[in-house]
Amino acid sequence: EGSTRTTAPRTRPPVARPGRDRGPGARPRGPPQPEG
């Protein structure tokens, strides 16, 4: 079998966990808040 090596270690793609992951574009937790 050919090379499966990469120059950087293989990483799994990030999996979003509802209610836990916070990042750009993530929904805020809890009930919607009034603007401001």
All heavy atoms as atom14 arrays in JSON, in Angstrom:
{
  "sequence": "EGSTRTTAPRTRPPVARPGRDRGPGARPRGPPQPEG",
  "atom14_mask": [
    [1, 1, 1, 1, 1, 1, 1, 1, 1, 0, 0, 0, 0, 0],
    [1, 1, 1, 1, 0, 0, 0, 0, 0, 0, 0, 0, 0, 0],
    [1, 1, 1, 1, 1, 1, 0, 0, 0, 0, 0, 0, 0, 0],
    [1, 1, 1, 1, 1, 1, 1, 0, 0, 0, 0, 0, 0, 0],
    [1, 1, 1, 1, 1, 1, 1, 1, 1, 1, 1, 0, 0, 0],
    [1, 1, 1, 1, 1, 1, 1, 0, 0, 0, 0, 0, 0, 0],
    [1, 1, 1, 1, 1, 1, 1, 0, 0, 0, 0, 0, 0, 0],
    [1, 1, 1, 1, 1, 0, 0, 0, 0, 0, 0, 0, 0, 0],
    [1, 1, 1, 1, 1, 1, 1, 0, 0, 0, 0, 0, 0, 0],
    [1, 1, 1, 1, 1, 1, 1, 1, 1, 1, 1, 0, 0, 0],
    [1, 1, 1, 1, 1, 1, 1, 0, 0, 0, 0, 0, 0, 0],
    [1, 1, 1, 1, 1, 1, 1, 1, 1, 1, 1, 0, 0, 0],
    [1, 1, 1, 1, 1, 1, 1, 0, 0, 0, 0, 0, 0, 0],
    [1, 1, 1, 1, 1, 1, 1, 0, 0, 0, 0, 0, 0, 0],
    [1, 1, 1, 1, 1, 1, 1, 0, 0, 0, 0, 0, 0, 0],
    [1, 1, 1, 1, 1, 0, 0, 0, 0, 0, 0, 0, 0, 0],
    [1, 1, 1, 1, 1, 1, 1, 1, 1, 1, 1, 0, 0, 0],
    [1, 1, 1, 1, 1, 1, 1, 0, 0, 0, 0, 0, 0, 0],
    [1, 1, 1, 1, 0, 0, 0, 0, 0, 0, 0, 0, 0, 0],
    [1, 1, 1, 1, 1, 1, 1, 1, 1, 1, 1, 0, 0, 0],
    [1, 1, 1, 1, 1, 1, 1, 1, 0, 0, 0, 0, 0, 0],
    [1, 1, 1, 1, 1, 1, 1, 1, 1, 1, 1, 0, 0, 0],
    [1, 1, 1, 1, 0, 0, 0, 0, 0, 0, 0, 0, 0, 0],
    [1, 1, 1, 1, 1, 1, 1, 0, 0, 0, 0, 0, 0, 0],
    [1, 1, 1, 1, 0, 0, 0, 0, 0, 0, 0, 0, 0, 0],
    [1, 1, 1, 1, 1, 0, 0, 0, 0, 0, 0, 0, 0, 0],
    [1, 1, 1, 1, 1, 1, 1, 1, 1, 1, 1, 0, 0, 0],
    [1, 1, 1, 1, 1, 1, 1, 0, 0, 0, 0, 0, 0, 0],
    [1, 1, 1, 1, 1, 1, 1, 1, 1, 1, 1, 0, 0, 0],
    [1, 1, 1, 1, 0, 0, 0, 0, 0, 0, 0, 0, 0, 0],
    [1, 1, 1, 1, 1, 1, 1, 0, 0, 0, 0, 0, 0, 0],
    [1, 1, 1, 1, 1, 1, 1, 0, 0, 0, 0, 0, 0, 0],
    [1, 1, 1, 1, 1, 1, 1, 1, 1, 0, 0, 0, 0, 0],
    [1, 1, 1, 1, 1, 1, 1, 0, 0, 0, 0, 0, 0, 0],
    [1, 1, 1, 1, 1, 1, 1, 1, 1, 0, 0, 0, 0, 0],
    [1, 1, 1, 1, 0, 0, 0, 0, 0, 0, 0, 0, 0, 0]
  ],
  "atom14_positions": [
    [[0.85, -1.18, 0.0], [0.0, 0.0, 0.0], [0.88, 1.23, 0.0], [1.94, 1.24, 0.61], [-0.89, 0.03, 1.23], [-2.05, -0.92, 1.15], [-3.05, -0.68, 2.26], [-3.09, 0.45, 2.79], [-3.75, -1.62, 2.58], [0.0, 0.0, 0.0], [0.0, 0.0, 0.0], [0.0, 0.0, 0.0], [0.0, 0.0, 0.0], [0.0, 0.0, 0.0]],
    [[0.41, 2.27, -0.67], [1.18, 3.5, -0.77], [1.23, 4.25, 0.54], [0.62, 3.87, 1.53], [0.0, 0.0, 0.0], [0.0, 0.0, 0.0], [0.0, 0.0, 0.0], [0.0, 0.0, 0.0], [0.0, 0.0, 0.0], [0.0, 0.0, 0.0], [0.0, 0.0, 0.0], [0.0, 0.0, 0.0], [0.0, 0.0, 0.0], [0.0, 0.0, 0.0]],
    [[1.94, 5.32, 0.51], [2.15, 6.12, 1.71], [0.85, 6.75, 2.17], [0.13, 7.34, 1.4], [3.17, 7.22, 1.42], [3.31, 8.03, 2.54], [0.0, 0.0, 0.0], [0.0, 0.0, 0.0], [0.0, 0.0, 0.0], [0.0, 0.0, 0.0], [0.0, 0.0, 0.0], [0.0, 0.0, 0.0], [0.0, 0.0, 0.0], [0.0, 0.0, 0.0]],
    [[0.58, 6.61, 3.45], [-0.54, 7.31, 4.05], [-0.01, 8.37, 5.0], [-0.75, 8.99, 5.72], [-1.43, 6.33, 4.84], [-0.63, 5.67, 5.81], [-2.08, 5.33, 3.91], [0.0, 0.0, 0.0], [0.0, 0.0, 0.0], [0.0, 0.0, 0.0], [0.0, 0.0, 0.0], [0.0, 0.0, 0.0], [0.0, 0.0, 0.0], [0.0, 0.0, 0.0]],
    [[1.3, 8.57, 4.96], [1.9, 9.54, 5.85], [1.62, 10.94, 5.36], [1.53, 11.2, 4.17], [3.4, 9.34, 5.91], [3.79, 8.03, 6.5], [5.32, 7.93, 6.52], [5.7, 6.64, 6.96], [6.01, 5.65, 6.14], [6.0, 5.82, 4.85], [6.37, 4.49, 6.61], [0.0, 0.0, 0.0], [0.0, 0.0, 0.0], [0.0, 0.0, 0.0]],
    [[1.49, 11.85, 6.27], [1.35, 13.26, 5.93], [2.44, 14.0, 6.68], [3.04, 13.47, 7.6], [-0.03, 13.8, 6.35], [-0.17, 13.61, 7.75], [-1.14, 13.11, 5.61], [0.0, 0.0, 0.0], [0.0, 0.0, 0.0], [0.0, 0.0, 0.0], [0.0, 0.0, 0.0], [0.0, 0.0, 0.0], [0.0, 0.0, 0.0], [0.0, 0.0, 0.0]],
    [[2.68, 15.22, 6.29], [3.72, 15.97, 6.97], [3.26, 16.42, 8.35], [4.06, 16.63, 9.23], [4.13, 17.21, 6.15], [2.96, 17.95, 5.86], [4.81, 16.79, 4.87], [0.0, 0.0, 0.0], [0.0, 0.0, 0.0], [0.0, 0.0, 0.0], [0.0, 0.0, 0.0], [0.0, 0.0, 0.0], [0.0, 0.0, 0.0], [0.0, 0.0, 0.0]],
    [[1.97, 16.57, 8.53], [1.44, 16.94, 9.85], [0.61, 15.77, 10.36], [0.08, 14.99, 9.58], [0.57, 18.18, 9.71], [0.0, 0.0, 0.0], [0.0, 0.0, 0.0], [0.0, 0.0, 0.0], [0.0, 0.0, 0.0], [0.0, 0.0, 0.0], [0.0, 0.0, 0.0], [0.0, 0.0, 0.0], [0.0, 0.0, 0.0], [0.0, 0.0, 0.0]],
    [[0.5, 15.63, 11.66], [-0.31, 14.54, 12.18], [-1.76, 14.68, 11.72], [-2.26, 15.79, 11.58], [-0.21, 14.69, 13.69], [0.64, 15.85, 13.97], [1.08, 16.45, 12.68], [0.0, 0.0, 0.0], [0.0, 0.0, 0.0], [0.0, 0.0, 0.0], [0.0, 0.0, 0.0], [0.0, 0.0, 0.0], [0.0, 0.0, 0.0], [0.0, 0.0, 0.0]],
    [[-2.38, 13.56, 11.47], [-3.78, 13.59, 11.06], [-4.65, 13.99, 12.23], [-4.45, 13.56, 13.35], [-4.21, 12.22, 10.57], [-3.61, 11.87, 9.27], [-4.21, 10.58, 8.8], [-3.77, 10.35, 7.45], [-4.26, 9.43, 6.68], [-5.2, 8.65, 7.12], [-3.81, 9.28, 5.47], [0.0, 0.0, 0.0], [0.0, 0.0, 0.0], [0.0, 0.0, 0.0]],
    [[-5.62, 14.83, 11.95], [-6.57, 15.21, 12.97], [-7.97, 14.98, 12.43], [-8.2, 15.06, 11.23], [-6.42, 16.7, 13.36], [-6.6, 17.49, 12.19], [-5.07, 16.97, 13.97], [0.0, 0.0, 0.0], [0.0, 0.0, 0.0], [0.0, 0.0, 0.0], [0.0, 0.0, 0.0], [0.0, 0.0, 0.0], [0.0, 0.0, 0.0], [0.0, 0.0, 0.0]],
    [[-8.87, 14.69, 13.33], [-10.25, 14.52, 12.9], [-10.86, 15.9, 12.7], [-10.53, 16.85, 13.41], [-11.04, 13.77, 13.95], [-10.71, 12.32, 13.95], [-11.68, 11.59, 14.81], [-11.08, 11.46, 16.13], [-11.73, 11.16, 17.21], [-13.01, 10.98, 17.18], [-11.11, 11.04, 18.36], [0.0, 0.0, 0.0], [0.0, 0.0, 0.0], [0.0, 0.0, 0.0]],
    [[-11.81, 16.01, 11.75], [-12.47, 17.3, 11.59], [-13.28, 17.62, 12.84], [-13.77, 16.7, 13.5], [-13.37, 17.1, 10.37], [-13.48, 15.64, 10.18], [-12.27, 15.02, 10.82], [0.0, 0.0, 0.0], [0.0, 0.0, 0.0], [0.0, 0.0, 0.0], [0.0, 0.0, 0.0], [0.0, 0.0, 0.0], [0.0, 0.0, 0.0], [0.0, 0.0, 0.0]],
    [[-13.39, 18.89, 13.17], [-14.12, 19.23, 14.39], [-15.59, 18.82, 14.26], [-16.19, 18.95, 13.21], [-13.97, 20.75, 14.49], [-13.59, 21.2, 13.14], [-12.9, 20.05, 12.47], [0.0, 0.0, 0.0], [0.0, 0.0, 0.0], [0.0, 0.0, 0.0], [0.0, 0.0, 0.0], [0.0, 0.0, 0.0], [0.0, 0.0, 0.0], [0.0, 0.0, 0.0]],
    [[-16.12, 18.32, 15.33], [-17.52, 17.92, 15.38], [-18.21, 18.87, 16.34], [-17.81, 19.0, 17.5], [-17.65, 16.45, 15.87], [-19.1, 16.06, 16.0], [-16.91, 15.53, 14.94], [0.0, 0.0, 0.0], [0.0, 0.0, 0.0], [0.0, 0.0, 0.0], [0.0, 0.0, 0.0], [0.0, 0.0, 0.0], [0.0, 0.0, 0.0], [0.0, 0.0, 0.0]],
    [[-19.26, 19.51, 15.86], [-19.99, 20.45, 16.71], [-20.83, 19.66, 17.7], [-21.51, 18.71, 17.34], [-20.88, 21.34, 15.86], [0.0, 0.0, 0.0], [0.0, 0.0, 0.0], [0.0, 0.0, 0.0], [0.0, 0.0, 0.0], [0.0, 0.0, 0.0], [0.0, 0.0, 0.0], [0.0, 0.0, 0.0], [0.0, 0.0, 0.0], [0.0, 0.0, 0.0]],
    [[-20.73, 20.05, 18.94], [-21.54, 19.43, 19.98], [-22.56, 20.46, 20.41], [-22.2, 21.49, 20.98], [-20.66, 19.0, 21.14], [-19.66, 17.92, 20.72], [-18.73, 17.61, 21.84], [-17.94, 18.83, 22.1], [-16.99, 18.91, 23.03], [-16.72, 17.89, 23.79], [-16.32, 20.02, 23.2], [0.0, 0.0, 0.0], [0.0, 0.0, 0.0], [0.0, 0.0, 0.0]],
    [[-23.83, 20.2, 20.16], [-24.85, 21.2, 20.48], [-24.79, 21.6, 21.94], [-24.71, 20.76, 22.83], [-26.17, 20.47, 20.17], [-25.8, 19.34, 19.27], [-24.38, 19.0, 19.57], [0.0, 0.0, 0.0], [0.0, 0.0, 0.0], [0.0, 0.0, 0.0], [0.0, 0.0, 0.0], [0.0, 0.0, 0.0], [0.0, 0.0, 0.0], [0.0, 0.0, 0.0]],
    [[-24.83, 22.89, 22.15], [-24.85, 23.41, 23.5], [-23.5, 23.47, 24.18], [-23.38, 23.97, 25.28], [0.0, 0.0, 0.0], [0.0, 0.0, 0.0], [0.0, 0.0, 0.0], [0.0, 0.0, 0.0], [0.0, 0.0, 0.0], [0.0, 0.0, 0.0], [0.0, 0.0, 0.0], [0.0, 0.0, 0.0], [0.0, 0.0, 0.0], [0.0, 0.0, 0.0]],
    [[-22.46, 22.99, 23.55], [-21.14, 22.99, 24.2], [-20.12, 23.85, 23.47], [-19.29, 24.48, 24.08], [-20.59, 21.58, 24.31], [-21.37, 20.73, 25.25], [-20.68, 19.44, 25.43], [-21.36, 18.67, 26.44], [-20.89, 17.59, 26.99], [-19.72, 17.15, 26.62], [-21.56, 16.95, 27.89], [0.0, 0.0, 0.0], [0.0, 0.0, 0.0], [0.0, 0.0, 0.0]],
    [[-20.11, 23.74, 22.15], [-19.09, 24.44, 21.39], [-19.46, 25.9, 21.2], [-20.59, 26.24, 20.87], [-18.89, 23.79, 20.02], [-18.21, 22.45, 20.13], [-17.54, 22.22, 21.15], [-18.34, 21.64, 19.21], [0.0, 0.0, 0.0], [0.0, 0.0, 0.0], [0.0, 0.0, 0.0], [0.0, 0.0, 0.0], [0.0, 0.0, 0.0], [0.0, 0.0, 0.0]],
    [[-18.53, 26.74, 21.44], [-18.71, 28.17, 21.24], [-17.67, 28.6, 20.23], [-16.5, 28.35, 20.38], [-18.48, 28.94, 22.54], [-19.23, 28.42, 23.73], [-20.73, 28.49, 23.6], [-21.14, 29.86, 23.44], [-22.29, 30.21, 22.89], [-23.12, 29.32, 22.47], [-22.6, 31.47, 22.78], [0.0, 0.0, 0.0], [0.0, 0.0, 0.0], [0.0, 0.0, 0.0]],
    [[-18.1, 29.2, 19.22], [-17.17, 29.66, 18.2], [-17.84, 30.69, 17.33], [-19.0, 31.08, 17.56], [0.0, 0.0, 0.0], [0.0, 0.0, 0.0], [0.0, 0.0, 0.0], [0.0, 0.0, 0.0], [0.0, 0.0, 0.0], [0.0, 0.0, 0.0], [0.0, 0.0, 0.0], [0.0, 0.0, 0.0], [0.0, 0.0, 0.0], [0.0, 0.0, 0.0]],
    [[-17.16, 31.14, 16.3], [-17.76, 32.13, 15.42], [-19.05, 31.57, 14.82], [-19.1, 30.45, 14.34], [-16.72, 32.36, 14.34], [-15.47, 31.71, 14.83], [-15.84, 30.76, 15.9], [0.0, 0.0, 0.0], [0.0, 0.0, 0.0], [0.0, 0.0, 0.0], [0.0, 0.0, 0.0], [0.0, 0.0, 0.0], [0.0, 0.0, 0.0], [0.0, 0.0, 0.0]],
    [[-20.1, 32.32, 14.89], [-21.36, 31.91, 14.3], [-22.19, 31.01, 15.19], [-23.25, 30.53, 14.79], [0.0, 0.0, 0.0], [0.0, 0.0, 0.0], [0.0, 0.0, 0.0], [0.0, 0.0, 0.0], [0.0, 0.0, 0.0], [0.0, 0.0, 0.0], [0.0, 0.0, 0.0], [0.0, 0.0, 0.0], [0.0, 0.0, 0.0], [0.0, 0.0, 0.0]],
    [[-21.71, 30.73, 16.41], [-22.44, 29.85, 17.3], [-23.65, 30.59, 17.87], [-23.59, 31.8, 18.13], [-21.55, 29.37, 18.43], [0.0, 0.0, 0.0], [0.0, 0.0, 0.0], [0.0, 0.0, 0.0], [0.0, 0.0, 0.0], [0.0, 0.0, 0.0], [0.0, 0.0, 0.0], [0.0, 0.0, 0.0], [0.0, 0.0, 0.0], [0.0, 0.0, 0.0]],
    [[-24.75, 29.88, 18.05], [-25.94, 30.48, 18.65], [-25.72, 30.66, 20.14], [-25.14, 29.81, 20.8], [-27.14, 29.56, 18.44], [-27.6, 29.47, 17.04], [-28.91, 28.7, 16.96], [-29.28, 28.01, 18.18], [-29.52, 26.72, 18.27], [-29.45, 25.95, 17.22], [-29.85, 26.17, 19.42], [0.0, 0.0, 0.0], [0.0, 0.0, 0.0], [0.0, 0.0, 0.0]],
    [[-26.24, 31.73, 20.7], [-26.12, 31.89, 22.14], [-27.01, 30.87, 22.85], [-28.03, 30.45, 22.32], [-26.59, 33.32, 22.4], [-27.31, 33.75, 21.18], [-26.85, 32.88, 20.06], [0.0, 0.0, 0.0], [0.0, 0.0, 0.0], [0.0, 0.0, 0.0], [0.0, 0.0, 0.0], [0.0, 0.0, 0.0], [0.0, 0.0, 0.0], [0.0, 0.0, 0.0]],
    [[-26.56, 30.47, 24.02], [-27.34, 29.53, 24.81], [-28.48, 30.25, 25.5], [-28.41, 31.43, 25.8], [-26.46, 28.87, 25.86], [-25.44, 27.97, 25.27], [-24.73, 27.24, 26.38], [-23.36, 27.05, 25.95], [-22.36, 26.84, 26.76], [-22.54, 26.82, 28.03], [-21.16, 26.66, 26.28], [0.0, 0.0, 0.0], [0.0, 0.0, 0.0], [0.0, 0.0, 0.0]],
    [[-29.5, 29.47, 25.83], [-30.6, 30.02, 26.61], [-31.64, 30.72, 25.77], [-31.57, 30.72, 24.54], [0.0, 0.0, 0.0], [0.0, 0.0, 0.0], [0.0, 0.0, 0.0], [0.0, 0.0, 0.0], [0.0, 0.0, 0.0], [0.0, 0.0, 0.0], [0.0, 0.0, 0.0], [0.0, 0.0, 0.0], [0.0, 0.0, 0.0], [0.0, 0.0, 0.0]],
    [[-32.57, 31.36, 26.45], [-33.65, 32.04, 25.72], [-33.11, 33.27, 25.0], [-32.09, 33.84, 25.4], [-34.64, 32.43, 26.82], [-33.86, 32.44, 28.08], [-32.74, 31.45, 27.89], [0.0, 0.0, 0.0], [0.0, 0.0, 0.0], [0.0, 0.0, 0.0], [0.0, 0.0, 0.0], [0.0, 0.0, 0.0], [0.0, 0.0, 0.0], [0.0, 0.0, 0.0]],
    [[-33.75, 33.67, 23.93], [-33.29, 34.86, 23.21], [-33.34, 36.09, 24.11], [-34.25, 36.24, 24.92], [-34.26, 34.98, 22.04], [-35.3, 33.94, 22.2], [-34.93, 33.08, 23.36], [0.0, 0.0, 0.0], [0.0, 0.0, 0.0], [0.0, 0.0, 0.0], [0.0, 0.0, 0.0], [0.0, 0.0, 0.0], [0.0, 0.0, 0.0], [0.0, 0.0, 0.0]],
    [[-32.36, 36.95, 23.96], [-32.25, 38.16, 24.78], [-32.66, 39.36, 23.93], [-32.42, 39.39, 22.72], [-30.81, 38.34, 25.26], [-30.29, 37.2, 26.1], [-31.01, 37.15, 27.44], [-31.34, 38.16, 28.04], [-31.27, 35.93, 27.9], [0.0, 0.0, 0.0], [0.0, 0.0, 0.0], [0.0, 0.0, 0.0], [0.0, 0.0, 0.0], [0.0, 0.0, 0.0]],
    [[-33.25, 40.36, 24.56], [-33.54, 41.59, 23.8], [-32.24, 42.21, 23.31], [-31.18, 42.0, 23.89], [-34.23, 42.51, 24.82], [-34.42, 41.71, 26.06], [-33.68, 40.43, 25.91], [0.0, 0.0, 0.0], [0.0, 0.0, 0.0], [0.0, 0.0, 0.0], [0.0, 0.0, 0.0], [0.0, 0.0, 0.0], [0.0, 0.0, 0.0], [0.0, 0.0, 0.0]],
    [[-32.34, 42.97, 22.23], [-31.15, 43.57, 21.63], [-30.45, 44.49, 22.62], [-31.09, 45.24, 23.35], [-31.53, 44.36, 20.39], [-30.32, 44.7, 19.57], [-30.68, 45.01, 18.14], [-31.59, 44.38, 17.6], [-30.03, 45.88, 17.6], [0.0, 0.0, 0.0], [0.0, 0.0, 0.0], [0.0, 0.0, 0.0], [0.0, 0.0, 0.0], [0.0, 0.0, 0.0]],
    [[-29.16, 44.39, 22.68], [-28.35, 45.21, 23.55], [-28.12, 44.58, 24.92], [-27.32, 45.06, 25.69], [0.0, 0.0, 0.0], [0.0, 0.0, 0.0], [0.0, 0.0, 0.0], [0.0, 0.0, 0.0], [0.0, 0.0, 0.0], [0.0, 0.0, 0.0], [0.0, 0.0, 0.0], [0.0, 0.0, 0.0], [0.0, 0.0, 0.0], [0.0, 0.0, 0.0]]
  ]
}
